[in-house]
Amino acid sequence: MKFTVCNLGCKVNAYEAESISEALIQKGWQRTEEEDDVDAVLIFTCAVTNMAASKSRKQLHKAVRQHPHAVKVAAGCYAQLNDGLLQDADIIVGSSHKKDIPAYIDQYLQNHQKIAVLDDLSAAVFEQLPVNHFENHSRGVLKIQDGCNQFCSYCVIPYVRGRERSLAPDDVIQEAREIAKVHSEIVLTGIHTGRYGREYGMTLAQLIQHILKEVPALKRLRISSIEVTELSDEFIELMKNEPRIARHLHIPLQSGCNEVLQKMNRPYDTNEYYDKIEHIREVIPEIAISCDVIVGFPGESDEMFEKTYAFLKKCHFSFLHIFPYSLREGTLASQMPCQVEPQIKKERAALCTALSQQMSDTYQQSKIGTMAEVITELPDGDTTPGHTSDYIPVKILHQNYPRGTFVKVLLKEYSGHQMTAEAESVIKDETI
């Protein structure tokens, strides 16, 4: 039996798709490309914007055309919205019970009766979906948190993911041990990763200390994204003193204009944000900081955008993730007046994209001539790619290291937006 997976949306969605894929493979299924003849199509849907929802529907319609006899599964955030537009799916699973998808497929193959599982998420518990192996990557991902209590005015996630909840600390350690058997680096992820563990009386910093102590084979631990309000002194001090924590933080900003931040219902202003990242840089000078930014939010005037653009330049990020605002029905922002014209959003996004490249170039050029530690990916010709602790993509020249090798390198040249390096030594001769 063969299946294919289409994943739309965030890293958490991708993680959950990998977990269900692993579960099906353990049952004897074979994963293949969507163009092949398959017995099941799994679509992990996204609802963060109307466009994402539209893409989810299109993927389902495509599966119906290409694989009329296959089991069609629609799962995740858009499925949870239950707007009646995924009725071509044979199995619909919202934001809980994803772990039961393999059993639902078996059930459907026996009786061909449609299945819909769309629970009330007001009191949802954390659903453990382990992933032990991300093929061809030195980095493994560990989902430790789900749900959101923030209710930003542009975001539907609290409605489709439910309230904040965390994976139990002992379960985190067990999953981390398994991942570390096949991956040199673990990325901790969640919807609000920094708010981990409140129901267990444990902070994210305390969890990280626990992981590093109990999983000594782990070479590097990375945080996928963390809000500026969640960067406690405890966390910053731990990061300063623990070299195994990656020297990169992705800290969502969303806007550099306080008026827009207030309309977004973001819990900080630009002064708080700037003071925090400057404090982090004082404590950890080698840190790289990147951010998310939304352009074209309802009511964002030219002057407001110029404030954001100036603030981005002031912050000296290592790169930006830029998102033109996309309306999501059911959110407060969708009802706001003065929606920005698509062409204006496109122009603002282009300006920020160019600024991001400039920032990336400036940051990486500043690292030429310095030493770095790289965890390698699969060799590519006569070079070996990998990432530094501060998330610089590097090609190690004239070397073919196995995936997961921990190499000390000299960063030699940055040309054509690519950093190249020469190997100095293998820090630990322990490859994955």
Protein backbone atom coordinates (compact mmCIF):
# COMPACT_ATOMS: atom_id res chain seq x y z
CA MET A 1 0.00 0.00 0.00
CA LYS A 2 1.34 3.42 -0.99
CA PHE A 3 0.57 6.89 0.33
CA THR A 4 1.59 10.45 -0.39
CA VAL A 5 1.63 13.52 1.85
CA CYS A 6 0.93 17.17 1.05
CA ASN A 7 1.83 19.56 3.86
CA LEU A 8 0.68 23.19 3.90
CA GLY A 9 1.62 25.68 6.59
CA CYS A 10 3.97 25.91 9.53
CA LYS A 11 6.76 23.80 10.98
CA VAL A 12 4.36 22.30 13.51
CA ASN A 13 2.15 21.08 10.66
CA ALA A 14 5.20 19.62 8.91
CA TYR A 15 6.20 17.88 12.13
CA GLU A 16 2.76 16.33 12.55
CA ALA A 17 2.74 15.18 8.92
CA GLU A 18 6.10 13.44 9.46
CA SER A 19 4.81 11.73 12.60
CA ILE A 20 1.80 10.24 10.83
CA SER A 21 4.02 9.24 7.89
CA GLU A 22 6.31 7.35 10.28
CA ALA A 23 3.30 5.62 11.84
CA LEU A 24 2.02 4.47 8.43
CA ILE A 25 5.47 3.24 7.39
CA GLN A 26 5.66 1.22 10.61
CA LYS A 27 2.38 -0.41 9.58
CA GLY A 28 3.93 -1.46 6.27
CA TRP A 29 2.86 1.41 4.03
CA GLN A 30 5.27 2.95 1.52
CA ARG A 31 5.57 6.73 1.12
CA THR A 32 5.88 7.97 -2.45
CA GLU A 33 5.45 11.07 -4.62
CA GLU A 34 1.95 12.38 -5.34
CA GLU A 35 2.34 11.79 -9.08
CA ASP A 36 2.63 8.04 -8.43
CA ASP A 37 -0.26 5.61 -8.15
CA VAL A 38 -1.26 5.69 -4.47
CA ASP A 39 -3.81 4.17 -2.11
CA ALA A 40 -4.06 7.14 0.25
CA VAL A 41 -3.50 10.91 0.02
CA LEU A 42 -2.88 12.80 3.25
CA ILE A 43 -3.36 16.58 3.13
CA PHE A 44 -2.26 18.52 6.22
CA THR A 45 -4.24 21.71 5.79
CA CYS A 46 -3.55 25.29 6.88
CA ALA A 47 -6.00 28.03 7.85
CA VAL A 48 -3.69 30.91 8.74
CA THR A 49 -4.97 32.95 5.75
CA ASN A 50 -7.80 32.68 3.24
CA MET A 51 -5.12 31.89 0.64
CA ALA A 52 -3.83 28.98 2.74
CA ALA A 53 -7.37 27.63 3.07
CA SER A 54 -7.84 27.97 -0.69
CA LYS A 55 -4.61 26.03 -1.32
CA SER A 56 -5.83 23.31 1.03
CA ARG A 57 -9.08 22.97 -0.94
CA LYS A 58 -7.19 22.93 -4.24
CA GLN A 59 -4.94 20.13 -3.02
CA LEU A 60 -7.99 18.08 -2.08
CA HIS A 61 -9.62 18.70 -5.49
CA LYS A 62 -6.35 17.73 -7.17
CA ALA A 63 -6.25 14.48 -5.18
CA VAL A 64 -9.83 13.69 -6.21
CA ARG A 65 -8.91 14.16 -9.89
CA GLN A 66 -5.57 12.36 -9.85
CA HIS A 67 -6.39 9.56 -7.38
CA PRO A 68 -10.16 8.92 -7.54
CA HIS A 69 -9.87 5.51 -5.87
CA ALA A 70 -7.44 6.53 -3.10
CA VAL A 71 -8.47 7.38 0.46
CA LYS A 72 -8.43 11.17 0.80
CA VAL A 73 -7.52 12.45 4.28
CA ALA A 74 -7.81 16.15 5.20
CA ALA A 75 -6.28 16.97 8.58
CA GLY A 76 -5.19 19.96 10.62
CA CYS A 77 -6.18 23.59 11.10
CA TYR A 78 -8.40 24.20 8.07
CA ALA A 79 -10.11 20.86 8.59
CA GLN A 80 -10.87 21.96 12.17
CA LEU A 81 -12.70 25.07 10.88
CA ASN A 82 -15.32 22.73 9.40
CA ASP A 83 -16.69 25.22 6.87
CA GLY A 84 -18.21 22.47 4.75
CA LEU A 85 -15.80 22.92 1.83
CA LEU A 86 -13.77 19.73 2.41
CA GLN A 87 -16.65 17.32 1.90
CA ASP A 88 -14.79 15.52 -0.91
CA ALA A 89 -12.43 14.12 1.74
CA ASP A 90 -13.13 10.60 2.94
CA ILE A 91 -11.59 11.29 6.34
CA ILE A 92 -11.56 14.70 8.07
CA VAL A 93 -9.48 15.07 11.24
CA GLY A 94 -9.13 18.46 12.93
CA SER A 95 -6.56 19.51 15.50
CA SER A 96 -6.88 16.47 17.74
CA HIS A 97 -6.77 12.69 17.16
CA LYS A 98 -4.21 12.99 14.37
CA LYS A 99 -2.37 10.04 15.88
CA ASP A 100 -5.42 7.90 15.01
CA ILE A 101 -5.26 8.67 11.27
CA PRO A 102 -3.66 5.28 10.39
CA ALA A 103 -6.50 3.50 12.24
CA TYR A 104 -9.11 5.69 10.53
CA ILE A 105 -7.63 4.75 7.14
CA ASP A 106 -7.88 1.06 8.03
CA GLN A 107 -11.48 1.59 9.13
CA TYR A 108 -12.39 3.40 5.93
CA LEU A 109 -10.80 0.72 3.75
CA GLN A 110 -13.01 -1.86 5.46
CA ASN A 111 -16.40 -0.14 5.27
CA HIS A 112 -15.94 2.93 3.00
CA GLN A 113 -17.96 5.10 5.37
CA LYS A 114 -16.80 8.69 5.76
CA ILE A 115 -15.17 9.72 9.02
CA ALA A 116 -15.13 13.20 10.59
CA VAL A 117 -13.38 13.89 13.91
CA LEU A 118 -13.72 17.55 14.94
CA ASP A 119 -13.52 17.84 18.71
CA ASP A 120 -14.22 20.87 20.87
CA LEU A 121 -10.70 22.16 21.64
CA SER A 122 -11.60 24.29 24.67
CA ALA A 123 -10.11 21.65 26.99
CA ALA A 124 -7.84 19.78 24.58
CA VAL A 125 -4.83 17.89 25.93
CA PHE A 126 -1.42 17.72 24.26
CA GLU A 127 -1.40 15.03 21.58
CA GLN A 128 1.96 13.28 21.51
CA LEU A 129 3.10 12.71 17.92
CA PRO A 130 6.73 11.55 18.02
CA VAL A 131 9.04 11.89 15.02
CA ASN A 132 12.35 10.08 15.24
CA HIS A 133 13.82 10.57 11.79
CA PHE A 134 13.80 13.46 9.33
CA GLU A 135 15.31 11.90 6.22
CA ASN A 136 18.56 13.39 4.90
CA HIS A 137 18.74 16.06 7.61
CA SER A 138 21.14 16.51 10.50
CA ARG A 139 18.36 18.37 12.34
CA GLY A 140 15.48 16.60 14.00
CA VAL A 141 12.37 18.43 15.22
CA LEU A 142 10.65 17.96 18.55
CA LYS A 143 7.19 19.48 19.12
CA ILE A 144 6.91 20.39 22.80
CA GLN A 145 3.94 22.80 22.83
CA ASP A 146 0.64 23.41 21.07
CA GLY A 147 -2.15 25.97 21.13
CA CYS A 148 -2.26 29.73 21.71
CA ASN A 149 -3.90 32.10 24.19
CA GLN A 150 -2.74 35.34 22.54
CA PHE A 151 -5.57 36.07 20.03
CA CYS A 152 -3.66 38.43 17.75
CA SER A 153 -6.27 40.25 15.68
CA TYR A 154 -5.01 38.79 12.36
CA CYS A 155 -4.70 35.16 13.49
CA VAL A 156 -7.12 32.24 13.50
CA ILE A 157 -4.76 29.80 15.23
CA PRO A 158 -6.29 30.02 18.76
CA TYR A 159 -9.64 28.99 17.25
CA VAL A 160 -8.29 25.98 15.35
CA ARG A 161 -5.48 24.84 17.68
CA GLY A 162 -7.15 25.49 21.01
CA ARG A 163 -5.56 26.72 24.23
CA GLU A 164 -1.93 26.37 25.19
CA ARG A 165 -0.73 22.96 26.32
CA SER A 166 2.62 21.18 26.58
CA LEU A 167 4.25 17.78 26.25
CA ALA A 168 5.11 16.30 29.66
CA PRO A 169 8.79 16.82 30.59
CA ASP A 170 9.55 13.09 30.87
CA ASP A 171 8.05 12.52 27.42
CA VAL A 172 10.19 15.36 26.01
CA ILE A 173 13.31 13.66 27.35
CA GLN A 174 12.31 10.28 25.95
CA GLU A 175 11.63 11.72 22.49
CA ALA A 176 14.86 13.75 22.57
CA ARG A 177 16.86 10.60 23.34
CA GLU A 178 15.33 8.81 20.36
CA ILE A 179 15.89 11.74 18.00
CA ALA A 180 19.50 12.15 19.15
CA LYS A 181 20.22 8.59 18.00
CA VAL A 182 19.82 9.72 14.37
CA HIS A 183 20.20 13.51 14.42
CA SER A 184 23.00 15.77 15.63
CA GLU A 185 20.72 18.74 16.29
CA ILE A 186 17.23 19.02 17.75
CA VAL A 187 14.92 21.93 17.01
CA LEU A 188 12.31 22.59 19.70
CA THR A 189 9.08 23.78 18.13
CA GLY A 190 5.51 24.67 19.02
CA ILE A 191 2.87 27.30 18.39
CA HIS A 192 4.19 29.26 21.41
CA THR A 193 7.40 27.40 22.22
CA GLY A 194 8.46 29.96 24.83
CA ARG A 195 5.33 29.36 26.90
CA TYR A 196 6.21 25.71 27.42
CA GLY A 197 5.38 23.92 30.65
CA ARG A 198 3.10 26.21 32.61
CA GLU A 199 0.82 23.32 33.57
CA TYR A 200 3.89 21.42 34.85
CA GLY A 201 5.40 24.31 36.79
CA MET A 202 8.40 24.25 34.47
CA THR A 203 9.89 26.97 32.27
CA LEU A 204 11.41 26.49 28.84
CA ALA A 205 14.85 27.25 30.29
CA GLN A 206 14.42 24.54 32.92
CA LEU A 207 13.30 22.07 30.24
CA ILE A 208 16.35 22.86 28.10
CA GLN A 209 18.66 22.35 31.07
CA HIS A 210 16.98 18.98 31.63
CA ILE A 211 17.37 17.96 27.97
CA LEU A 212 21.06 18.90 27.82
CA LYS A 213 21.77 16.97 31.01
CA GLU A 214 19.79 13.85 30.11
CA VAL A 215 20.76 13.68 26.40
CA PRO A 216 24.57 14.12 26.40
CA ALA A 217 24.87 12.79 22.83
CA LEU A 218 23.03 15.85 21.54
CA LYS A 219 25.43 18.26 19.84
CA ARG A 220 23.17 21.26 19.37
CA LEU A 221 19.74 22.43 20.53
CA ARG A 222 17.87 25.11 18.59
CA ILE A 223 14.66 27.04 19.28
CA SER A 224 12.47 27.38 16.19
CA SER A 225 10.83 30.67 17.22
CA ILE A 226 10.22 32.53 20.46
CA GLU A 227 8.24 35.66 21.33
CA VAL A 228 10.10 38.65 22.75
CA THR A 229 7.88 38.56 25.85
CA GLU A 230 9.01 34.97 26.54
CA LEU A 231 12.74 35.71 26.62
CA SER A 232 13.28 35.66 30.36
CA ASP A 233 16.53 36.54 32.14
CA GLU A 234 16.69 32.85 33.11
CA PHE A 235 16.59 31.80 29.46
CA ILE A 236 19.15 34.40 28.33
CA GLU A 237 21.57 33.46 31.11
CA LEU A 238 21.26 29.77 30.25
CA MET A 239 21.90 30.51 26.59
CA LYS A 240 24.97 32.56 27.50
CA ASN A 241 26.48 29.72 29.56
CA GLU A 242 25.49 26.70 27.46
CA PRO A 243 27.40 26.44 24.15
CA ARG A 244 25.21 23.60 22.90
CA ILE A 245 22.27 26.03 22.51
CA ALA A 246 22.37 27.47 18.99
CA ARG A 247 23.46 31.11 18.72
CA HIS A 248 20.37 32.15 16.79
CA LEU A 249 16.96 33.38 17.90
CA HIS A 250 14.00 33.97 15.62
CA ILE A 251 11.89 36.58 17.44
CA PRO A 252 8.64 37.60 15.66
CA LEU A 253 8.19 41.38 15.38
CA GLN A 254 5.27 41.72 12.91
CA SER A 255 5.44 45.52 12.76
CA GLY A 256 7.85 48.29 13.65
CA CYS A 257 5.01 50.80 14.17
CA ASN A 258 3.42 50.93 17.62
CA GLU A 259 0.01 51.92 16.27
CA VAL A 260 -0.05 48.83 14.06
CA LEU A 261 1.23 46.58 16.88
CA GLN A 262 -1.64 47.79 19.05
CA LYS A 263 -4.19 47.01 16.32
CA MET A 264 -2.57 43.59 15.93
CA ASN A 265 -3.04 42.97 19.68
CA ARG A 266 0.67 42.27 20.09
CA PRO A 267 1.75 42.41 23.77
CA TYR A 268 4.76 44.75 23.40
CA ASP A 269 5.82 47.96 21.72
CA THR A 270 8.91 48.76 19.66
CA ASN A 271 10.83 50.17 22.64
CA GLU A 272 10.33 46.94 24.62
CA TYR A 273 11.32 44.86 21.62
CA TYR A 274 14.45 46.86 20.86
CA ASP A 275 15.58 46.99 24.49
CA LYS A 276 15.24 43.22 24.77
CA ILE A 277 17.24 42.35 21.64
CA GLU A 278 19.94 44.86 22.58
CA HIS A 279 20.15 43.28 26.04
CA ILE A 280 20.51 39.84 24.45
CA ARG A 281 23.32 41.12 22.22
CA GLU A 282 25.13 42.59 25.23
CA VAL A 283 24.95 39.24 27.05
CA ILE A 284 25.60 37.05 23.98
CA PRO A 285 27.60 39.15 21.45
CA GLU A 286 27.82 36.33 18.88
CA ILE A 287 24.03 35.95 18.63
CA ALA A 288 22.14 36.19 15.33
CA ILE A 289 18.58 37.52 15.57
CA SER A 290 15.96 37.26 12.81
CA CYS A 291 12.26 38.11 12.79
CA ASP A 292 8.85 37.89 11.10
CA VAL A 293 7.21 41.03 9.73
CA ILE A 294 3.73 41.54 8.27
CA VAL A 295 3.29 44.35 5.74
CA GLY A 296 0.02 45.85 4.54
CA PHE A 297 -1.95 45.29 7.75
CA PRO A 298 -5.37 47.01 7.58
CA GLY A 299 -4.94 50.75 8.03
CA GLU A 300 -1.15 50.66 7.56
CA SER A 301 -0.40 54.01 5.92
CA ASP A 302 2.76 54.90 4.01
CA GLU A 303 4.02 56.66 7.12
CA MET A 304 3.36 53.61 9.29
CA PHE A 305 5.19 51.37 6.84
CA GLU A 306 8.12 53.79 6.78
CA LYS A 307 8.30 53.49 10.58
CA THR A 308 8.44 49.72 10.26
CA TYR A 309 11.12 49.88 7.56
CA ALA A 310 13.24 52.28 9.64
CA PHE A 311 12.84 50.09 12.74
CA LEU A 312 13.91 46.98 10.83
CA LYS A 313 17.08 48.77 9.73
CA LYS A 314 17.72 49.95 13.30
CA CYS A 315 17.52 46.38 14.63
CA HIS A 316 20.22 44.93 12.29
CA PHE A 317 18.58 41.52 11.92
CA SER A 318 20.44 38.65 10.26
CA PHE A 319 17.43 38.06 7.96
CA LEU A 320 13.67 38.64 7.78
CA HIS A 321 10.65 36.50 7.04
CA ILE A 322 8.23 38.81 5.24
CA PHE A 323 4.48 38.20 4.95
CA PRO A 324 2.07 40.46 3.05
CA TYR A 325 -1.04 40.65 5.22
CA SER A 326 -3.60 38.14 4.03
CA LEU A 327 -7.17 38.39 5.25
CA ARG A 328 -8.46 35.51 7.37
CA GLU A 329 -12.24 35.43 7.76
CA GLY A 330 -13.37 35.14 11.37
CA THR A 331 -10.58 37.32 12.77
CA LEU A 332 -10.92 40.88 14.09
CA ALA A 333 -8.55 42.21 11.41
CA SER A 334 -10.81 40.94 8.62
CA GLN A 335 -13.49 43.39 9.81
CA MET A 336 -11.16 46.38 10.09
CA PRO A 337 -11.60 49.30 7.69
CA CYS A 338 -8.95 50.52 5.25
CA GLN A 339 -7.79 47.18 3.86
CA VAL A 340 -4.54 47.82 1.95
CA GLU A 341 -4.52 47.35 -1.83
CA PRO A 342 -2.75 44.17 -3.05
CA GLN A 343 -0.31 46.13 -5.23
CA ILE A 344 0.77 48.26 -2.27
CA LYS A 345 1.30 45.15 -0.13
CA LYS A 346 3.35 43.63 -2.93
CA GLU A 347 5.55 46.73 -3.20
CA ARG A 348 6.12 46.89 0.56
CA ALA A 349 6.97 43.19 0.69
CA ALA A 350 9.48 43.66 -2.15
CA LEU A 351 11.20 46.49 -0.26
CA CYS A 352 11.47 44.36 2.87
CA THR A 353 12.70 41.36 0.88
CA ALA A 354 15.51 43.46 -0.58
CA LEU A 355 16.32 44.77 2.91
CA SER A 356 16.43 41.20 4.23
CA GLN A 357 19.00 40.26 1.58
CA GLN A 358 21.09 43.30 2.47
CA MET A 359 20.93 42.35 6.14
CA SER A 360 21.88 38.77 5.42
CA ASP A 361 24.81 39.88 3.26
CA THR A 362 26.04 42.33 5.91
CA TYR A 363 25.76 39.80 8.71
CA GLN A 364 27.48 36.99 6.85
CA GLN A 365 30.25 39.23 5.51
CA SER A 366 31.00 40.26 9.10
CA LYS A 367 31.79 36.62 9.88
CA ILE A 368 34.46 36.15 7.19
CA GLY A 369 37.75 35.13 8.78
CA THR A 370 36.16 33.77 11.96
CA MET A 371 35.93 30.21 13.23
CA ALA A 372 32.59 28.41 13.37
CA GLU A 373 31.15 25.01 14.22
CA VAL A 374 29.16 23.35 11.45
CA ILE A 375 26.92 20.29 11.59
CA THR A 376 26.96 18.77 8.13
CA GLU A 377 24.22 17.65 5.79
CA LEU A 378 24.69 15.12 2.97
CA PRO A 379 27.74 15.81 0.73
CA ASP A 380 27.13 17.61 -2.57
CA GLY A 381 29.84 16.88 -5.13
CA ASP A 382 33.20 17.93 -3.70
CA THR A 383 31.66 20.07 -0.96
CA THR A 384 29.68 19.39 2.19
CA PRO A 385 26.84 21.75 3.17
CA GLY A 386 25.80 22.50 6.72
CA HIS A 387 24.74 25.23 9.14
CA THR A 388 26.66 27.12 11.77
CA SER A 389 25.32 27.64 15.26
CA ASP A 390 24.10 31.12 14.23
CA TYR A 391 22.28 29.59 11.24
CA ILE A 392 24.59 30.56 8.39
CA PRO A 393 24.33 28.07 5.49
CA VAL A 394 27.90 26.98 4.72
CA LYS A 395 29.61 24.89 2.07
CA ILE A 396 32.77 23.20 3.32
CA LEU A 397 35.19 23.06 0.40
CA HIS A 398 37.05 19.93 -0.77
CA GLN A 399 35.47 17.67 1.85
CA ASN A 400 32.88 14.90 1.88
CA TYR A 401 31.78 14.43 5.47
CA PRO A 402 28.95 12.09 6.45
CA ARG A 403 25.72 13.71 7.54
CA GLY A 404 25.80 14.86 11.15
CA THR A 405 29.57 15.41 11.44
CA PHE A 406 30.50 18.23 13.83
CA VAL A 407 33.24 20.22 12.08
CA LYS A 408 35.24 23.26 13.14
CA VAL A 409 35.72 25.51 10.10
CA LEU A 410 37.26 28.80 9.02
CA LEU A 411 34.69 30.96 7.21
CA LYS A 412 36.65 31.96 4.11
CA GLU A 413 34.52 33.75 1.54
CA TYR A 414 31.00 35.09 1.01
CA SER A 415 30.13 35.40 -2.66
CA GLY A 416 26.86 35.13 -4.56
CA HIS A 417 24.99 35.00 -1.24
CA GLN A 418 26.87 31.81 -0.30
CA MET A 419 29.38 31.30 2.52
CA THR A 420 32.24 28.88 1.89
CA ALA A 421 34.58 27.49 4.51
CA GLU A 422 37.65 25.35 5.01
CA ALA A 423 37.64 22.54 7.54
CA GLU A 424 40.02 22.84 10.48
CA SER A 425 39.12 19.73 12.44
CA VAL A 426 36.34 17.28 13.26
CA ILE A 427 35.31 18.23 16.79
CA LYS A 428 33.76 14.88 17.59
CA ASP A 429 34.21 11.84 15.41
CA GLU A 430 30.60 10.80 15.98
CA THR A 431 28.56 10.82 12.81
CA ILE A 432 24.90 10.05 12.40
